[in-house]
Amino acid sequence: MKEKIFVLYKGEKVIDIGTAKEIAKKRGVTPEFIKYLSTPTNKKRIDARKNKNRISNAMICVKIEEEDE
């Protein structure tokens, strides 16, 4: 089974691309934290921020879906 690939964003800027382990090692965090950043819970936390008029600088991860060959 292949490891899932993630794209890490800070605001609208791409920060890193790789597996959760690879990104975590580069960022000095755990792979679990990288996976957390891709959850609906993290998105809700970001959406619940008070100042919605300001551009978000929050970190979020998106899983890349691979196509079957």
C-alpha atoms as a PDB file:
ATOM      1  CA  MET A   1       0.000   0.000   0.000  1.00  0.00           C
ATOM      2  CA  LYS A   2       1.350   3.375  -1.038  1.00  0.00           C
ATOM      3  CA  GLU A   3       1.660   6.189   1.472  1.00  0.00           C
ATOM      4  CA  LYS A   4      -0.678   9.092   0.850  1.00  0.00           C
ATOM      5  CA  ILE A   5       0.802  12.275  -0.574  1.00  0.00           C
ATOM      6  CA  PHE A   6      -0.057  15.601   1.064  1.00  0.00           C
ATOM      7  CA  VAL A   7       0.305  19.230   0.014  1.00  0.00           C
ATOM      8  CA  LEU A   8       0.946  21.621   2.920  1.00  0.00           C
ATOM      9  CA  TYR A   9      -0.367  25.158   2.522  1.00  0.00           C
ATOM     10  CA  LYS A  10       0.105  28.251   4.666  1.00  0.00           C
ATOM     11  CA  GLY A  11      -2.645  30.567   3.552  1.00  0.00           C
ATOM     12  CA  GLU A  12      -2.665  30.234  -0.224  1.00  0.00           C
ATOM     13  CA  LYS A  13       1.056  29.459  -0.539  1.00  0.00           C
ATOM     14  CA  VAL A  14       2.297  25.877  -1.065  1.00  0.00           C
ATOM     15  CA  ILE A  15       4.869  25.142   1.624  1.00  0.00           C
ATOM     16  CA  ASP A  16       5.686  21.482   0.993  1.00  0.00           C
ATOM     17  CA  ILE A  17       4.630  18.309  -0.819  1.00  0.00           C
ATOM     18  CA  GLY A  18       5.292  14.724   0.291  1.00  0.00           C
ATOM     19  CA  THR A  19       4.168  11.973   2.621  1.00  0.00           C
ATOM     20  CA  ALA A  20       3.127  12.864   6.171  1.00  0.00           C
ATOM     21  CA  LYS A  21       6.445  11.444   7.429  1.00  0.00           C
ATOM     22  CA  GLU A  22       8.530  13.468   4.965  1.00  0.00           C
ATOM     23  CA  ILE A  23       6.765  16.752   5.680  1.00  0.00           C
ATOM     24  CA  ALA A  24       6.806  16.145   9.440  1.00  0.00           C
ATOM     25  CA  LYS A  25      10.540  15.483   9.431  1.00  0.00           C
ATOM     26  CA  LYS A  26      11.243  18.719   7.500  1.00  0.00           C
ATOM     27  CA  ARG A  27       8.933  20.772   9.753  1.00  0.00           C
ATOM     28  CA  GLY A  28       9.941  19.262  13.098  1.00  0.00           C
ATOM     29  CA  VAL A  29       6.449  17.963  13.929  1.00  0.00           C
ATOM     30  CA  THR A  30       4.823  14.523  14.090  1.00  0.00           C
ATOM     31  CA  PRO A  31       3.217  12.800  11.097  1.00  0.00           C
ATOM     32  CA  GLU A  32      -0.011  12.733  13.137  1.00  0.00           C
ATOM     33  CA  PHE A  33      -0.014  16.552  13.238  1.00  0.00           C
ATOM     34  CA  ILE A  34       0.372  16.722   9.444  1.00  0.00           C
ATOM     35  CA  LYS A  35      -2.566  14.324   9.085  1.00  0.00           C
ATOM     36  CA  TYR A  36      -4.581  16.429  11.570  1.00  0.00           C
ATOM     37  CA  LEU A  37      -4.105  19.472   9.352  1.00  0.00           C
ATOM     38  CA  SER A  38      -6.052  17.628   6.619  1.00  0.00           C
ATOM     39  CA  THR A  39      -9.081  16.829   8.825  1.00  0.00           C
ATOM     40  CA  PRO A  40     -12.539  18.447   8.811  1.00  0.00           C
ATOM     41  CA  THR A  41     -11.888  19.400  12.453  1.00  0.00           C
ATOM     42  CA  ASN A  42      -8.968  21.621  11.447  1.00  0.00           C
ATOM     43  CA  LYS A  43     -11.043  23.236   8.698  1.00  0.00           C
ATOM     44  CA  LYS A  44     -13.853  23.970  11.187  1.00  0.00           C
ATOM     45  CA  ARG A  45     -11.337  25.504  13.611  1.00  0.00           C
ATOM     46  CA  ILE A  46     -10.036  27.791  10.876  1.00  0.00           C
ATOM     47  CA  ASP A  47     -13.562  28.692   9.721  1.00  0.00           C
ATOM     48  CA  ALA A  48     -14.541  29.585  13.296  1.00  0.00           C
ATOM     49  CA  ARG A  49     -11.957  32.366  13.565  1.00  0.00           C
ATOM     50  CA  LYS A  50     -13.394  35.760  14.379  1.00  0.00           C
ATOM     51  CA  ASN A  51     -11.784  37.967  11.718  1.00  0.00           C
ATOM     52  CA  LYS A  52     -13.134  36.489   8.479  1.00  0.00           C
ATOM     53  CA  ASN A  53     -12.367  39.625   6.425  1.00  0.00           C
ATOM     54  CA  ARG A  54      -8.618  39.110   6.779  1.00  0.00           C
ATOM     55  CA  ILE A  55      -6.759  36.662   4.526  1.00  0.00           C
ATOM     56  CA  SER A  56      -6.079  33.465   6.446  1.00  0.00           C
ATOM     57  CA  ASN A  57      -2.487  32.516   7.139  1.00  0.00           C
ATOM     58  CA  ALA A  58      -3.495  29.165   8.661  1.00  0.00           C
ATOM     59  CA  MET A  59      -1.780  25.909   7.809  1.00  0.00           C
ATOM     60  CA  ILE A  60      -3.824  23.226   6.092  1.00  0.00           C
ATOM     61  CA  CYS A  61      -2.939  19.955   4.380  1.00  0.00           C
ATOM     62  CA  VAL A  62      -4.703  18.411   1.403  1.00  0.00           C
ATOM     63  CA  LYS A  63      -4.413  14.745   0.462  1.00  0.00           C
ATOM     64  CA  ILE A  64      -3.638  14.182  -3.190  1.00  0.00           C
ATOM     65  CA  GLU A  65      -5.786  11.466  -4.741  1.00  0.00           C
ATOM     66  CA  GLU A  66      -3.801   9.296  -7.134  1.00  0.00           C
ATOM     67  CA  GLU A  67      -5.460   8.038 -10.291  1.00  0.00           C
ATOM     68  CA  ASP A  68      -5.498   4.326 -11.072  1.00  0.00           C
ATOM     69  CA  GLU A  69      -3.349   3.380 -14.011  1.00  0.00           C
END
